[in-house]
Amino acid sequence: MKKILIIIGCAAGWMAGHAQGMDSTAKPANRIAGSSIFGDYTLSLGVQIGTDIGGAVPYPLRYVPDAINAYPHVNASLGAKCGFPLYERFSLGLECTYKRVDMDADARVENQKFDDGDMLQYFSGTAEMHMSFTMIETPLYLKYRFNRSHKVLLGGYYAYILSPKFETIARQGYIGDEPDLVGSPVTPDAPQNMNFSSSLGRWDAGILAGYELQIFSRLQAGLRLLVGCKDIFKRGNRYFDYKMLHMRGAIVISYNIFDIKL
């Protein structure tokens, strides 16, 4: 019996000593979690490519024609990004991207109002629209990480528009001085062109929401929705009964080049 007690005591002492040795060399729990989930860094720098699909649309949305066909162009965007971990699952992101957003459309409209201050007209018939915006965009957003792979982000953006273009072409129908008044005919042989490019503003700002998937340790892919809060026309213009706001979706693939460690 005495030998059994001595063996048990030696085993307990060895286990206690081993546990003490482990405690003295183990890292704090929060440090381990930070290394395995966040990555031990304070700043990440990377590049990204993508494309935006969309353009300017009437707002309120009830002014969007029922019969409309949109043809967005797919153009590559190129930018840089940086990220700052904040607290637990939250981080802050800042980007700068060069992009071009193009869209064509054709629609059937009724009593489309046009008012340039000197002339008030209403057009009914078929028309085409061509728009293009080349811009430098800087989003700033807060990112929340559900787990290692899935993240959501919410924030805003500012864009400086380098080259705006907005043109409509009335192809067939009629123009009147009052609603439902048949006036001057519009035919495919003599379309009416209205170029608003000189009346467009040079900046935009709005809200951004999106989802991001972590593919590999440094590679991410994301989907975003961007909605502008400013009319594309300069202040003081009242061509239409509604505003035209930027609304578009974006696909982004990004790669972290540098993770600056603690």
Protein backbone atom coordinates (compact mmCIF):
# COMPACT_ATOMS: atom_id res chain seq x y z
CA MET A 1 0.00 0.00 0.00
CA LYS A 2 2.83 2.35 0.88
CA LYS A 3 4.48 1.71 -2.50
CA ILE A 4 1.24 2.46 -4.32
CA LEU A 5 0.90 5.80 -2.50
CA ILE A 6 4.50 6.69 -3.35
CA ILE A 7 3.90 5.91 -7.06
CA ILE A 8 0.69 7.96 -7.11
CA GLY A 9 2.45 10.87 -5.42
CA CYS A 10 5.33 10.79 -7.90
CA ALA A 11 2.92 10.68 -10.85
CA ALA A 12 0.92 13.62 -9.47
CA GLY A 13 4.09 15.60 -8.93
CA TRP A 14 5.30 14.92 -12.46
CA MET A 15 1.93 15.98 -13.92
CA ALA A 16 1.90 19.16 -11.85
CA GLY A 17 5.43 20.00 -12.91
CA HIS A 18 4.61 19.32 -16.55
CA ALA A 19 1.51 21.51 -16.36
CA GLN A 20 3.53 24.28 -14.73
CA GLY A 21 6.08 24.06 -17.52
CA MET A 22 3.36 24.34 -20.10
CA ASP A 23 1.85 27.38 -18.38
CA SER A 24 5.17 29.15 -18.26
CA THR A 25 5.72 28.86 -21.99
CA ALA A 26 2.14 29.10 -23.30
CA LYS A 27 0.93 32.21 -25.11
CA PRO A 28 -2.09 34.13 -23.84
CA ALA A 29 -5.40 32.96 -25.29
CA ASN A 30 -6.10 36.25 -26.98
CA ARG A 31 -2.69 36.23 -28.67
CA ILE A 32 -3.32 32.74 -30.08
CA ALA A 33 -6.78 33.74 -31.29
CA GLY A 34 -5.38 36.88 -32.88
CA SER A 35 -2.72 34.93 -34.72
CA SER A 36 -4.98 32.20 -36.07
CA ILE A 37 -7.99 34.30 -37.04
CA PHE A 38 -6.90 37.87 -37.72
CA GLY A 39 -3.26 37.37 -38.56
CA ASP A 40 -0.76 39.23 -36.36
CA TYR A 41 -0.63 42.55 -38.20
CA THR A 42 -1.68 46.15 -37.80
CA LEU A 43 -1.84 47.12 -41.47
CA SER A 44 -2.44 45.25 -44.73
CA LEU A 45 -1.69 46.68 -48.17
CA GLY A 46 -2.93 45.15 -51.41
CA VAL A 47 -4.18 45.56 -54.96
CA GLN A 48 -7.53 44.74 -56.53
CA ILE A 49 -9.26 44.38 -59.88
CA GLY A 50 -12.94 44.19 -60.71
CA THR A 51 -15.81 45.58 -62.72
CA ASP A 52 -18.89 47.73 -62.07
CA ILE A 53 -22.25 47.04 -63.71
CA GLY A 54 -24.88 49.77 -63.67
CA GLY A 55 -25.21 53.49 -64.20
CA ALA A 56 -27.42 56.44 -63.36
CA VAL A 57 -31.13 55.67 -62.83
CA PRO A 58 -34.17 57.88 -62.12
CA TYR A 59 -35.06 58.43 -58.48
CA PRO A 60 -37.69 57.94 -57.11
CA LEU A 61 -37.69 54.57 -58.87
CA ARG A 62 -41.31 54.95 -59.98
CA TYR A 63 -39.98 57.12 -62.80
CA VAL A 64 -38.10 54.18 -64.34
CA PRO A 65 -39.97 53.29 -67.57
CA ASP A 66 -41.84 49.98 -67.56
CA ALA A 67 -40.52 49.06 -71.00
CA ILE A 68 -36.75 49.44 -70.80
CA ASN A 69 -33.79 47.36 -71.97
CA ALA A 70 -30.41 48.06 -70.36
CA TYR A 71 -27.05 47.05 -71.84
CA PRO A 72 -24.23 47.58 -69.31
CA HIS A 73 -20.62 47.42 -70.49
CA VAL A 74 -18.03 45.36 -68.64
CA ASN A 75 -14.87 47.41 -67.98
CA ALA A 76 -11.95 46.49 -65.75
CA SER A 77 -11.24 48.60 -62.66
CA LEU A 78 -7.86 48.78 -60.94
CA GLY A 79 -7.09 49.97 -57.43
CA ALA A 80 -5.22 49.70 -54.15
CA LYS A 81 -6.50 48.99 -50.64
CA CYS A 82 -5.41 48.96 -47.01
CA GLY A 83 -6.98 47.45 -43.91
CA PHE A 84 -6.74 48.21 -40.18
CA PRO A 85 -7.94 45.70 -37.55
CA LEU A 86 -9.99 47.52 -34.90
CA TYR A 87 -11.59 45.36 -32.21
CA GLU A 88 -12.22 41.62 -32.19
CA ARG A 89 -14.19 40.91 -35.40
CA PHE A 90 -14.20 44.49 -36.73
CA SER A 91 -11.74 46.14 -39.11
CA LEU A 92 -11.56 49.32 -41.17
CA GLY A 93 -10.93 49.41 -44.93
CA LEU A 94 -9.86 52.20 -47.27
CA GLU A 95 -9.48 51.94 -51.05
CA CYS A 96 -8.64 54.02 -54.11
CA THR A 97 -9.86 52.68 -57.46
CA TYR A 98 -9.81 53.89 -61.06
CA LYS A 99 -12.89 52.72 -62.95
CA ARG A 100 -15.15 53.37 -65.92
CA VAL A 101 -18.90 52.73 -65.75
CA ASP A 102 -20.76 52.47 -69.09
CA MET A 103 -24.37 51.65 -69.87
CA ASP A 104 -26.67 51.95 -72.88
CA ALA A 105 -30.44 51.57 -72.79
CA ASP A 106 -33.53 51.91 -74.92
CA ALA A 107 -37.02 52.54 -73.59
CA ARG A 108 -40.59 53.36 -74.44
CA VAL A 109 -41.70 56.51 -72.60
CA GLU A 110 -44.90 58.51 -72.33
CA ASN A 111 -44.98 62.25 -71.67
CA GLN A 112 -41.30 62.40 -70.78
CA LYS A 113 -40.84 65.93 -69.49
CA PHE A 114 -37.88 68.06 -70.52
CA ASP A 115 -37.42 71.53 -69.05
CA ASP A 116 -34.24 73.52 -69.66
CA GLY A 117 -35.66 76.81 -68.35
CA ASP A 118 -36.30 78.25 -71.81
CA MET A 119 -38.34 75.43 -73.32
CA LEU A 120 -40.82 72.93 -71.86
CA GLN A 121 -41.57 69.82 -73.93
CA TYR A 122 -43.08 66.36 -73.53
CA PHE A 123 -41.93 63.39 -75.58
CA SER A 124 -43.77 60.12 -76.16
CA GLY A 125 -42.19 57.28 -78.11
CA THR A 126 -38.97 55.27 -78.20
CA ALA A 127 -35.63 56.70 -77.12
CA GLU A 128 -32.05 55.59 -76.56
CA MET A 129 -29.70 56.56 -73.76
CA HIS A 130 -25.91 56.44 -73.61
CA MET A 131 -23.97 57.15 -70.42
CA SER A 132 -20.36 56.84 -69.36
CA PHE A 133 -18.53 57.89 -66.18
CA THR A 134 -14.75 57.60 -65.75
CA MET A 135 -13.88 58.19 -62.11
CA ILE A 136 -11.48 57.78 -59.21
CA GLU A 137 -13.38 56.26 -56.30
CA THR A 138 -12.35 56.12 -52.62
CA PRO A 139 -14.54 53.87 -50.43
CA LEU A 140 -14.22 53.85 -46.64
CA TYR A 141 -16.02 51.05 -44.81
CA LEU A 142 -16.32 49.00 -41.64
CA LYS A 143 -15.89 45.24 -42.06
CA TYR A 144 -17.33 42.55 -39.80
CA ARG A 145 -15.94 39.00 -39.85
CA PHE A 146 -18.37 36.15 -39.13
CA ASN A 147 -15.60 33.54 -39.33
CA ARG A 148 -12.36 32.93 -41.18
CA SER A 149 -14.03 32.99 -44.62
CA HIS A 150 -17.15 35.19 -44.56
CA LYS A 151 -17.28 38.95 -44.01
CA VAL A 152 -19.73 41.81 -44.60
CA LEU A 153 -18.92 45.47 -45.02
CA LEU A 154 -20.82 48.74 -44.77
CA GLY A 155 -19.66 52.28 -45.37
CA GLY A 156 -19.57 55.09 -47.89
CA TYR A 157 -17.64 56.30 -50.89
CA TYR A 158 -16.54 59.49 -52.60
CA ALA A 159 -15.83 59.63 -56.34
CA TYR A 160 -14.23 62.32 -58.48
CA ILE A 161 -15.57 62.00 -62.02
CA LEU A 162 -12.93 62.65 -64.66
CA SER A 163 -15.05 62.28 -67.80
CA PRO A 164 -18.88 62.22 -67.58
CA LYS A 165 -21.15 61.58 -70.56
CA PHE A 166 -24.95 61.42 -70.75
CA GLU A 167 -26.87 61.57 -74.01
CA THR A 168 -30.43 60.69 -75.04
CA ILE A 169 -31.70 60.19 -78.59
CA ALA A 170 -35.42 60.30 -79.36
CA ARG A 171 -35.87 57.86 -82.25
CA GLN A 172 -39.57 57.69 -83.01
CA GLY A 173 -42.66 59.35 -81.57
CA TYR A 174 -43.83 62.93 -81.12
CA ILE A 175 -43.03 66.02 -79.09
CA GLY A 176 -45.73 68.28 -77.68
CA ASP A 177 -45.91 71.42 -75.56
CA GLU A 178 -48.32 69.73 -73.15
CA PRO A 179 -48.85 66.13 -71.97
CA ASP A 180 -50.69 63.93 -74.53
CA LEU A 181 -50.53 66.71 -77.12
CA VAL A 182 -49.36 65.43 -80.50
CA GLY A 183 -46.97 68.01 -81.89
CA SER A 184 -43.80 67.67 -83.92
CA PRO A 185 -43.19 64.11 -85.17
CA VAL A 186 -39.91 62.33 -84.50
CA THR A 187 -38.82 59.74 -87.05
CA PRO A 188 -35.76 57.46 -87.38
CA ASP A 189 -34.67 59.61 -90.33
CA ALA A 190 -34.73 62.75 -88.18
CA PRO A 191 -34.03 61.80 -84.53
CA GLN A 192 -33.76 64.38 -81.77
CA ASN A 193 -30.43 64.35 -79.91
CA MET A 194 -30.01 65.82 -76.43
CA ASN A 195 -26.50 65.84 -74.99
CA PHE A 196 -26.38 66.63 -71.25
CA SER A 197 -22.65 66.01 -70.76
CA SER A 198 -21.79 69.66 -70.11
CA SER A 199 -24.43 69.81 -67.35
CA LEU A 200 -23.12 66.84 -65.36
CA GLY A 201 -21.43 67.22 -61.99
CA ARG A 202 -17.83 66.22 -61.31
CA TRP A 203 -18.25 64.33 -58.03
CA ASP A 204 -20.46 61.80 -56.35
CA ALA A 205 -20.88 60.36 -52.87
CA GLY A 206 -23.02 57.57 -51.52
CA ILE A 207 -23.35 54.41 -49.45
CA LEU A 208 -21.71 51.04 -49.96
CA ALA A 209 -22.65 47.56 -48.73
CA GLY A 210 -21.09 44.24 -49.61
CA TYR A 211 -19.97 40.71 -48.90
CA GLU A 212 -16.43 39.32 -48.98
CA LEU A 213 -15.18 35.74 -49.19
CA GLN A 214 -11.68 34.80 -48.04
CA ILE A 215 -10.42 32.35 -50.70
CA PHE A 216 -6.83 31.97 -49.51
CA SER A 217 -4.81 33.68 -46.80
CA ARG A 218 -4.12 36.70 -49.01
CA LEU A 219 -6.80 36.42 -51.72
CA GLN A 220 -10.37 37.72 -51.36
CA ALA A 221 -13.40 38.04 -53.66
CA GLY A 222 -16.38 40.28 -53.02
CA LEU A 223 -19.74 41.58 -54.22
CA ARG A 224 -20.83 45.16 -53.57
CA LEU A 225 -23.79 47.48 -54.05
CA LEU A 226 -23.12 51.22 -54.41
CA VAL A 227 -25.91 53.81 -54.31
CA GLY A 228 -25.21 57.49 -54.89
CA CYS A 229 -26.90 60.21 -52.85
CA LYS A 230 -26.28 63.10 -55.27
CA ASP A 231 -27.95 64.02 -58.55
CA ILE A 232 -25.61 63.50 -61.51
CA PHE A 233 -26.57 66.97 -62.82
CA LYS A 234 -25.10 70.21 -61.55
CA ARG A 235 -27.12 72.15 -59.03
CA GLY A 236 -29.74 74.40 -60.60
CA ASN A 237 -30.62 72.17 -63.55
CA ARG A 238 -34.22 70.94 -63.67
CA TYR A 239 -34.45 68.98 -66.87
CA PHE A 240 -36.65 66.24 -65.44
CA ASP A 241 -39.19 65.75 -62.64
CA TYR A 242 -36.76 63.44 -60.83
CA LYS A 243 -33.12 63.06 -59.89
CA MET A 244 -30.63 60.76 -61.57
CA LEU A 245 -28.53 58.79 -59.07
CA HIS A 246 -25.61 56.42 -59.55
CA MET A 247 -26.61 52.82 -58.75
CA ARG A 248 -24.37 49.90 -59.57
CA GLY A 249 -23.12 46.53 -58.47
CA ALA A 250 -19.44 45.63 -58.35
CA ILE A 251 -17.37 42.45 -58.43
CA VAL A 252 -13.95 42.77 -56.77
CA ILE A 253 -10.98 40.42 -56.44
CA SER A 254 -8.18 41.64 -54.16
CA TYR A 255 -4.78 40.37 -53.04
CA ASN A 256 -2.82 41.42 -49.95
CA ILE A 257 0.78 42.12 -50.96
CA PHE A 258 2.01 43.18 -47.52
CA ASP A 259 0.89 42.29 -44.01
CA ILE A 260 2.86 44.50 -41.64
CA LYS A 261 3.41 42.47 -38.48
CA LEU A 262 3.40 43.60 -34.88
